[in-house]
Amino acid sequence: MRLTISLDEDLYGFVKSLSRSEDLSMSQVVNTLLRRVAEAPASPIQVPSAAAPWATFEARKGVIVHPDEAQRLEAEEDEARLEAFKK
């Protein structure tokens, strides 16, 4: 079945990263992730705040992170999430 959806930029990047690393289409990745959520025991959904959606790294005063370093850190986080989903 075909469905068109809009993903937030960070989710799109996450799905695209998983797609590349697993050599799957983005549709296959989204289907797999949705199946895992559907099969998981029901629990309340936690919606991130608009001020800090998906905030993972604490800001440290006086520390400047180069964009390349930020991308590397995000890629590592994506890999860690992928490993967690595999379990």
PDB file of N, CA and C in Angstrom:
ATOM      1  N   MET A   1       0.842  -1.166   0.000  1.00  0.00           N
ATOM      2  CA  MET A   1       0.000   0.000   0.000  1.00  0.00           C
ATOM      3  C   MET A   1       0.893   1.237   0.000  1.00  0.00           C
ATOM      4  N   ARG A   2       0.502   2.235  -0.697  1.00  0.00           N
ATOM      5  CA  ARG A   2       1.299   3.451  -0.848  1.00  0.00           C
ATOM      6  C   ARG A   2       0.709   4.555   0.025  1.00  0.00           C
ATOM      7  N   LEU A   3       1.602   5.306   0.695  1.00  0.00           N
ATOM      8  CA  LEU A   3       1.209   6.409   1.565  1.00  0.00           C
ATOM      9  C   LEU A   3       2.311   7.459   1.512  1.00  0.00           C
ATOM     10  N   THR A   4       1.921   8.692   1.366  1.00  0.00           N
ATOM     11  CA  THR A   4       2.897   9.781   1.369  1.00  0.00           C
ATOM     12  C   THR A   4       2.848  10.454   2.731  1.00  0.00           C
ATOM     13  N   ILE A   5       4.009  10.569   3.374  1.00  0.00           N
ATOM     14  CA  ILE A   5       4.095  11.237   4.674  1.00  0.00           C
ATOM     15  C   ILE A   5       5.223  12.251   4.643  1.00  0.00           C
ATOM     16  N   SER A   6       5.174  13.177   5.572  1.00  0.00           N
ATOM     17  CA  SER A   6       6.254  14.150   5.737  1.00  0.00           C
ATOM     18  C   SER A   6       6.960  13.832   7.046  1.00  0.00           C
ATOM     19  N   LEU A   7       8.273  13.708   6.971  1.00  0.00           N
ATOM     20  CA  LEU A   7       9.076  13.435   8.156  1.00  0.00           C
ATOM     21  C   LEU A   7       9.818  14.699   8.572  1.00  0.00           C
ATOM     22  N   ASP A   8       9.997  14.849   9.878  1.00  0.00           N
ATOM     23  CA  ASP A   8      10.858  15.927  10.353  1.00  0.00           C
ATOM     24  C   ASP A   8      12.265  15.658   9.816  1.00  0.00           C
ATOM     25  N   GLU A   9      13.036  16.708   9.655  1.00  0.00           N
ATOM     26  CA  GLU A   9      14.361  16.591   9.050  1.00  0.00           C
ATOM     27  C   GLU A   9      15.256  15.592   9.784  1.00  0.00           C
ATOM     28  N   ASP A  10      15.203  15.608  11.115  1.00  0.00           N
ATOM     29  CA  ASP A  10      16.065  14.696  11.872  1.00  0.00           C
ATOM     30  C   ASP A  10      15.640  13.240  11.683  1.00  0.00           C
ATOM     31  N   LEU A  11      14.334  12.993  11.607  1.00  0.00           N
ATOM     32  CA  LEU A  11      13.856  11.628  11.388  1.00  0.00           C
ATOM     33  C   LEU A  11      14.185  11.155   9.977  1.00  0.00           C
ATOM     34  N   TYR A  12      14.074  12.062   9.021  1.00  0.00           N
ATOM     35  CA  TYR A  12      14.425  11.712   7.646  1.00  0.00           C
ATOM     36  C   TYR A  12      15.894  11.289   7.577  1.00  0.00           C
ATOM     37  N   GLY A  13      16.749  12.070   8.224  1.00  0.00           N
ATOM     38  CA  GLY A  13      18.179  11.733   8.237  1.00  0.00           C
ATOM     39  C   GLY A  13      18.437  10.404   8.913  1.00  0.00           C
ATOM     40  N   PHE A  14      17.715  10.129   9.996  1.00  0.00           N
ATOM     41  CA  PHE A  14      17.871   8.865  10.712  1.00  0.00           C
ATOM     42  C   PHE A  14      17.466   7.693   9.820  1.00  0.00           C
ATOM     43  N   VAL A  15      16.313   7.808   9.166  1.00  0.00           N
ATOM     44  CA  VAL A  15      15.837   6.733   8.284  1.00  0.00           C
ATOM     45  C   VAL A  15      16.783   6.561   7.105  1.00  0.00           C
ATOM     46  N   LYS A  16      17.246   7.652   6.552  1.00  0.00           N
ATOM     47  CA  LYS A  16      18.161   7.581   5.417  1.00  0.00           C
ATOM     48  C   LYS A  16      19.472   6.907   5.828  1.00  0.00           C
ATOM     49  N   SER A  17      19.976   7.256   7.012  1.00  0.00           N
ATOM     50  CA  SER A  17      21.205   6.653   7.515  1.00  0.00           C
ATOM     51  C   SER A  17      21.032   5.140   7.706  1.00  0.00           C
ATOM     52  N   LEU A  18      19.921   4.735   8.304  1.00  0.00           N
ATOM     53  CA  LEU A  18      19.652   3.303   8.485  1.00  0.00           C
ATOM     54  C   LEU A  18      19.522   2.606   7.135  1.00  0.00           C
ATOM     55  N   SER A  19      18.888   3.282   6.207  1.00  0.00           N
ATOM     56  CA  SER A  19      18.699   2.728   4.874  1.00  0.00           C
ATOM     57  C   SER A  19      20.038   2.426   4.215  1.00  0.00           C
ATOM     58  N   ARG A  20      20.945   3.368   4.311  1.00  0.00           N
ATOM     59  CA  ARG A  20      22.274   3.174   3.719  1.00  0.00           C
ATOM     60  C   ARG A  20      23.051   2.069   4.434  1.00  0.00           C
ATOM     61  N   SER A  21      23.050   2.125   5.761  1.00  0.00           N
ATOM     62  CA  SER A  21      23.868   1.177   6.513  1.00  0.00           C
ATOM     63  C   SER A  21      23.349  -0.252   6.416  1.00  0.00           C
ATOM     64  N   GLU A  22      22.052  -0.426   6.241  1.00  0.00           N
ATOM     65  CA  GLU A  22      21.463  -1.762   6.154  1.00  0.00           C
ATOM     66  C   GLU A  22      21.202  -2.201   4.710  1.00  0.00           C
ATOM     67  N   ASP A  23      21.507  -1.329   3.753  1.00  0.00           N
ATOM     68  CA  ASP A  23      21.263  -1.604   2.336  1.00  0.00           C
ATOM     69  C   ASP A  23      19.802  -1.978   2.090  1.00  0.00           C
ATOM     70  N   LEU A  24      18.902  -1.155   2.638  1.00  0.00           N
ATOM     71  CA  LEU A  24      17.462  -1.330   2.489  1.00  0.00           C
ATOM     72  C   LEU A  24      16.871  -0.045   1.930  1.00  0.00           C
ATOM     73  N   SER A  25      15.680  -0.150   1.369  1.00  0.00           N
ATOM     74  CA  SER A  25      14.997   1.067   0.932  1.00  0.00           C
ATOM     75  C   SER A  25      14.485   1.805   2.157  1.00  0.00           C
ATOM     76  N   MET A  26      14.215   3.080   2.004  1.00  0.00           N
ATOM     77  CA  MET A  26      13.690   3.848   3.125  1.00  0.00           C
ATOM     78  C   MET A  26      12.327   3.292   3.540  1.00  0.00           C
ATOM     79  N   SER A  27      11.530   2.834   2.590  1.00  0.00           N
ATOM     80  CA  SER A  27      10.232   2.240   2.920  1.00  0.00           C
ATOM     81  C   SER A  27      10.404   0.995   3.783  1.00  0.00           C
ATOM     82  N   GLN A  28      11.396   0.174   3.464  1.00  0.00           N
ATOM     83  CA  GLN A  28      11.641  -1.028   4.259  1.00  0.00           C
ATOM     84  C   GLN A  28      12.047  -0.659   5.685  1.00  0.00           C
ATOM     85  N   VAL A  29      12.872   0.369   5.824  1.00  0.00           N
ATOM     86  CA  VAL A  29      13.305   0.806   7.151  1.00  0.00           C
ATOM     87  C   VAL A  29      12.106   1.314   7.955  1.00  0.00           C
ATOM     88  N   VAL A  30      11.286   2.167   7.347  1.00  0.00           N
ATOM     89  CA  VAL A  30      10.114   2.710   8.051  1.00  0.00           C
ATOM     90  C   VAL A  30       9.168   1.576   8.442  1.00  0.00           C
ATOM     91  N   ASN A  31       8.929   0.621   7.539  1.00  0.00           N
ATOM     92  CA  ASN A  31       8.069  -0.518   7.863  1.00  0.00           C
ATOM     93  C   ASN A  31       8.622  -1.315   9.036  1.00  0.00           C
ATOM     94  N   THR A  32       9.922  -1.573   9.036  1.00  0.00           N
ATOM     95  CA  THR A  32      10.539  -2.333  10.118  1.00  0.00           C
ATOM     96  C   THR A  32      10.404  -1.601  11.447  1.00  0.00           C
ATOM     97  N   LEU A  33      10.690  -0.309  11.445  1.00  0.00           N
ATOM     98  CA  LEU A  33      10.593   0.467  12.678  1.00  0.00           C
ATOM     99  C   LEU A  33       9.157   0.529  13.188  1.00  0.00           C
ATOM    100  N   LEU A  34       8.194   0.715  12.286  1.00  0.00           N
ATOM    101  CA  LEU A  34       6.793   0.762  12.708  1.00  0.00           C
ATOM    102  C   LEU A  34       6.328  -0.583  13.245  1.00  0.00           C
ATOM    103  N   ARG A  35       6.780  -1.687  12.639  1.00  0.00           N
ATOM    104  CA  ARG A  35       6.417  -3.012  13.148  1.00  0.00           C
ATOM    105  C   ARG A  35       6.950  -3.215  14.563  1.00  0.00           C
ATOM    106  N   ARG A  36       8.169  -2.775  14.810  1.00  0.00           N
ATOM    107  CA  ARG A  36       8.749  -2.927  16.148  1.00  0.00           C
ATOM    108  C   ARG A  36       7.958  -2.132  17.178  1.00  0.00           C
ATOM    109  N   VAL A  37       7.532  -0.942  16.805  1.00  0.00           N
ATOM    110  CA  VAL A  37       6.728  -0.128  17.716  1.00  0.00           C
ATOM    111  C   VAL A  37       5.371  -0.791  17.944  1.00  0.00           C
ATOM    112  N   ALA A  38       4.770  -1.298  16.878  1.00  0.00           N
ATOM    113  CA  ALA A  38       3.455  -1.930  16.991  1.00  0.00           C
ATOM    114  C   ALA A  38       3.512  -3.204  17.839  1.00  0.00           C
ATOM    115  N   GLU A  39       4.635  -3.914  17.798  1.00  0.00           N
ATOM    116  CA  GLU A  39       4.767  -5.162  18.537  1.00  0.00           C
ATOM    117  C   GLU A  39       5.225  -4.951  19.978  1.00  0.00           C
ATOM    118  N   ALA A  40       5.721  -3.780  20.291  1.00  0.00           N
ATOM    119  CA  ALA A  40       6.210  -3.487  21.644  1.00  0.00           C
ATOM    120  C   ALA A  40       5.025  -3.322  22.588  1.00  0.00           C
ATOM    121  N   PRO A  41       5.237  -3.646  23.859  1.00  0.00           N
ATOM    122  CA  PRO A  41       4.165  -3.428  24.830  1.00  0.00           C
ATOM    123  C   PRO A  41       3.749  -1.960  24.847  1.00  0.00           C
ATOM    124  N   ALA A  42       2.476  -1.724  25.032  1.00  0.00           N
ATOM    125  CA  ALA A  42       1.963  -0.351  25.030  1.00  0.00           C
ATOM    126  C   ALA A  42       2.565   0.442  26.175  1.00  0.00           C
ATOM    127  N   SER A  43       2.993   1.639  25.870  1.00  0.00           N
ATOM    128  CA  SER A  43       3.501   2.549  26.887  1.00  0.00           C
ATOM    129  C   SER A  43       3.179   3.964  26.432  1.00  0.00           C
ATOM    130  N   PRO A  44       3.129   4.890  27.372  1.00  0.00           N
ATOM    131  CA  PRO A  44       2.805   6.265  26.980  1.00  0.00           C
ATOM    132  C   PRO A  44       3.833   6.814  25.999  1.00  0.00           C
ATOM    133  N   ILE A  45       3.369   7.593  25.059  1.00  0.00           N
ATOM    134  CA  ILE A  45       4.258   8.232  24.087  1.00  0.00           C
ATOM    135  C   ILE A  45       4.795   9.511  24.708  1.00  0.00           C
ATOM    136  N   GLN A  46       6.096   9.678  24.643  1.00  0.00           N
ATOM    137  CA  GLN A  46       6.707  10.897  25.150  1.00  0.00           C
ATOM    138  C   GLN A  46       7.041  11.799  23.972  1.00  0.00           C
ATOM    139  N   VAL A  47       6.389  12.931  23.924  1.00  0.00           N
ATOM    140  CA  VAL A  47       6.605  13.881  22.841  1.00  0.00           C
ATOM    141  C   VAL A  47       7.680  14.862  23.273  1.00  0.00           C
ATOM    142  N   PRO A  48       8.752  15.013  22.470  1.00  0.00           N
ATOM    143  CA  PRO A  48       9.802  15.968  22.860  1.00  0.00           C
ATOM    144  C   PRO A  48       9.272  17.394  22.833  1.00  0.00           C
ATOM    145  N   SER A  49       9.825  18.215  23.665  1.00  0.00           N
ATOM    146  CA  SER A  49       9.399  19.612  23.695  1.00  0.00           C
ATOM    147  C   SER A  49       9.913  20.322  22.451  1.00  0.00           C
ATOM    148  N   ALA A  50       9.219  21.358  22.065  1.00  0.00           N
ATOM    149  CA  ALA A  50       9.631  22.130  20.888  1.00  0.00           C
ATOM    150  C   ALA A  50      10.970  22.813  21.135  1.00  0.00           C
ATOM    151  N   ALA A  51      11.274  23.094  22.387  1.00  0.00           N
ATOM    152  CA  ALA A  51      12.520  23.791  22.706  1.00  0.00           C
ATOM    153  C   ALA A  51      13.734  22.898  22.523  1.00  0.00           C
ATOM    154  N   ALA A  52      13.579  21.592  22.769  1.00  0.00           N
ATOM    155  CA  ALA A  52      14.731  20.698  22.675  1.00  0.00           C
ATOM    156  C   ALA A  52      14.334  19.329  22.146  1.00  0.00           C
ATOM    157  N   PRO A  53      13.842  19.258  20.893  1.00  0.00           N
ATOM    158  CA  PRO A  53      13.491  17.941  20.371  1.00  0.00           C
ATOM    159  C   PRO A  53      14.745  17.116  20.147  1.00  0.00           C
ATOM    160  N   TRP A  54      14.755  15.908  20.639  1.00  0.00           N
ATOM    161  CA  TRP A  54      15.852  14.968  20.455  1.00  0.00           C
ATOM    162  C   TRP A  54      17.170  15.475  21.030  1.00  0.00           C
ATOM    163  N   ALA A  55      17.112  16.345  22.015  1.00  0.00           N
ATOM    164  CA  ALA A  55      18.348  16.864  22.604  1.00  0.00           C
ATOM    165  C   ALA A  55      19.135  15.711  23.212  1.00  0.00           C
ATOM    166  N   THR A  56      20.347  15.520  22.759  1.00  0.00           N
ATOM    167  CA  THR A  56      21.166  14.414  23.223  1.00  0.00           C
ATOM    168  C   THR A  56      22.445  14.914  23.865  1.00  0.00           C
ATOM    169  N   PHE A  57      22.987  15.979  23.333  1.00  0.00           N
ATOM    170  CA  PHE A  57      24.257  16.482  23.806  1.00  0.00           C
ATOM    171  C   PHE A  57      24.016  17.713  24.674  1.00  0.00           C
ATOM    172  N   GLU A  58      24.643  17.712  25.838  1.00  0.00           N
ATOM    173  CA  GLU A  58      24.527  18.879  26.690  1.00  0.00           C
ATOM    174  C   GLU A  58      25.421  19.987  26.149  1.00  0.00           C
ATOM    175  N   ALA A  59      24.882  21.180  26.166  1.00  0.00           N
ATOM    176  CA  ALA A  59      25.686  22.332  25.748  1.00  0.00           C
ATOM    177  C   ALA A  59      26.652  22.669  26.866  1.00  0.00           C
ATOM    178  N   ARG A  60      27.897  22.925  26.492  1.00  0.00           N
ATOM    179  CA  ARG A  60      28.903  23.306  27.475  1.00  0.00           C
ATOM    180  C   ARG A  60      29.407  24.691  27.119  1.00  0.00           C
ATOM    181  N   LYS A  61      29.345  25.568  28.057  1.00  0.00           N
ATOM    182  CA  LYS A  61      29.752  26.950  27.825  1.00  0.00           C
ATOM    183  C   LYS A  61      31.207  27.015  27.373  1.00  0.00           C
ATOM    184  N   GLY A  62      31.436  27.727  26.274  1.00  0.00           N
ATOM    185  CA  GLY A  62      32.786  27.920  25.782  1.00  0.00           C
ATOM    186  C   GLY A  62      33.303  26.800  24.895  1.00  0.00           C
ATOM    187  N   VAL A  63      32.489  25.775  24.652  1.00  0.00           N
ATOM    188  CA  VAL A  63      32.923  24.660  23.813  1.00  0.00           C
ATOM    189  C   VAL A  63      32.270  24.807  22.444  1.00  0.00           C
ATOM    190  N   ILE A  64      33.094  24.860  21.425  1.00  0.00           N
ATOM    191  CA  ILE A  64      32.598  24.980  20.059  1.00  0.00           C
ATOM    192  C   ILE A  64      32.800  23.641  19.367  1.00  0.00           C
ATOM    193  N   VAL A  65      31.724  23.111  18.808  1.00  0.00           N
ATOM    194  CA  VAL A  65      31.792  21.838  18.103  1.00  0.00           C
ATOM    195  C   VAL A  65      31.724  22.124  16.610  1.00  0.00           C
ATOM    196  N   HIS A  66      32.727  21.669  15.890  1.00  0.00           N
ATOM    197  CA  HIS A  66      32.778  21.845  14.439  1.00  0.00           C
ATOM    198  C   HIS A  66      31.646  21.029  13.813  1.00  0.00           C
ATOM    199  N   PRO A  67      31.018  21.528  12.739  1.00  0.00           N
ATOM    200  CA  PRO A  67      29.929  20.779  12.105  1.00  0.00           C
ATOM    201  C   PRO A  67      30.307  19.346  11.721  1.00  0.00           C
ATOM    202  N   ASP A  68      31.540  19.122  11.288  1.00  0.00           N
ATOM    203  CA  ASP A  68      31.966  17.759  10.942  1.00  0.00           C
ATOM    204  C   ASP A  68      31.944  16.851  12.172  1.00  0.00           C
ATOM    205  N   GLU A  69      32.359  17.393  13.307  1.00  0.00           N
ATOM    206  CA  GLU A  69      32.346  16.628  14.558  1.00  0.00           C
ATOM    207  C   GLU A  69      30.905  16.338  14.981  1.00  0.00           C
ATOM    208  N   ALA A  70      30.025  17.324  14.811  1.00  0.00           N
ATOM    209  CA  ALA A  70      28.615  17.118  15.148  1.00  0.00           C
ATOM    210  C   ALA A  70      28.024  16.011  14.279  1.00  0.00           C
ATOM    211  N   GLN A  71      28.352  15.997  12.990  1.00  0.00           N
ATOM    212  CA  GLN A  71      27.853  14.945  12.095  1.00  0.00           C
ATOM    213  C   GLN A  71      28.399  13.585  12.509  1.00  0.00           C
ATOM    214  N   ARG A  72      29.659  13.529  12.921  1.00  0.00           N
ATOM    215  CA  ARG A  72      30.239  12.264  13.364  1.00  0.00           C
ATOM    216  C   ARG A  72      29.526  11.759  14.617  1.00  0.00           C
ATOM    217  N   LEU A  73      29.273  12.666  15.554  1.00  0.00           N
ATOM    218  CA  LEU A  73      28.572  12.297  16.779  1.00  0.00           C
ATOM    219  C   LEU A  73      27.148  11.814  16.472  1.00  0.00           C
ATOM    220  N   GLU A  74      26.480  12.489  15.545  1.00  0.00           N
ATOM    221  CA  GLU A  74      25.128  12.075  15.163  1.00  0.00           C
ATOM    222  C   GLU A  74      25.149  10.701  14.501  1.00  0.00           C
ATOM    223  N   ALA A  75      26.148  10.449  13.661  1.00  0.00           N
ATOM    224  CA  ALA A  75      26.263   9.145  13.002  1.00  0.00           C
ATOM    225  C   ALA A  75      26.483   8.045  14.039  1.00  0.00           C
ATOM    226  N   GLU A  76      27.319   8.322  15.039  1.00  0.00           N
ATOM    227  CA  GLU A  76      27.540   7.346  16.106  1.00  0.00           C
ATOM    228  C   GLU A  76      26.245   7.076  16.871  1.00  0.00           C
ATOM    229  N   GLU A  77      25.484   8.136  17.110  1.00  0.00           N
ATOM    230  CA  GLU A  77      24.216   7.976  17.824  1.00  0.00           C
ATOM    231  C   GLU A  77      23.239   7.153  16.978  1.00  0.00           C
ATOM    232  N   ASP A  78      23.204   7.418  15.668  1.00  0.00           N
ATOM    233  CA  ASP A  78      22.335   6.639  14.776  1.00  0.00           C
ATOM    234  C   ASP A  78      22.701   5.162  14.816  1.00  0.00           C
ATOM    235  N   GLU A  79      23.995   4.860  14.802  1.00  0.00           N
ATOM    236  CA  GLU A  79      24.443   3.468  14.852  1.00  0.00           C
ATOM    237  C   GLU A  79      24.039   2.816  16.174  1.00  0.00           C
ATOM    238  N   ALA A  80      24.159   3.564  17.269  1.00  0.00           N
ATOM    239  CA  ALA A  80      23.776   3.034  18.581  1.00  0.00           C
ATOM    240  C   ALA A  80      22.274   2.753  18.621  1.00  0.00           C
ATOM    241  N   ARG A  81      21.469   3.653  18.042  1.00  0.00           N
ATOM    242  CA  ARG A  81      20.028   3.427  17.994  1.00  0.00           C
ATOM    243  C   ARG A  81      19.701   2.215  17.149  1.00  0.00           C
ATOM    244  N   LEU A  82      20.403   2.050  16.036  1.00  0.00           N
ATOM    245  CA  LEU A  82      20.175   0.909  15.168  1.00  0.00           C
ATOM    246  C   LEU A  82      20.478  -0.395  15.916  1.00  0.00           C
ATOM    247  N   GLU A  83      21.579  -0.410  16.636  1.00  0.00           N
ATOM    248  CA  GLU A  83      21.925  -1.600  17.412  1.00  0.00           C
ATOM    249  C   GLU A  83      20.869  -1.891  18.465  1.00  0.00           C
ATOM    250  N   ALA A  84      20.332  -0.848  19.079  1.00  0.00           N
ATOM    251  CA  ALA A  84      19.287  -1.033  20.095  1.00  0.00           C
ATOM    252  C   ALA A  84      18.023  -1.616  19.467  1.00  0.00           C
ATOM    253  N   PHE A  85      17.689  -1.193  18.242  1.00  0.00           N
ATOM    254  CA  PHE A  85      16.508  -1.717  17.560  1.00  0.00           C
ATOM    255  C   PHE A  85      16.700  -3.169  17.146  1.00  0.00           C
ATOM    256  N   LYS A  86      17.932  -3.560  16.883  1.00  0.00           N
ATOM    257  CA  LYS A  86      18.211  -4.918  16.457  1.00  0.00           C
ATOM    258  C   LYS A  86      17.997  -5.922  17.587  1.00  0.00           C
ATOM    259  N   LYS A  87      18.086  -5.449  18.825  1.00  0.00           N
ATOM    260  CA  LYS A  87      17.985  -6.351  19.987  1.00  0.00           C
ATOM    261  C   LYS A  87      16.581  -6.754  20.275  1.00  0.00           C
TER     262      LYS A  87
END
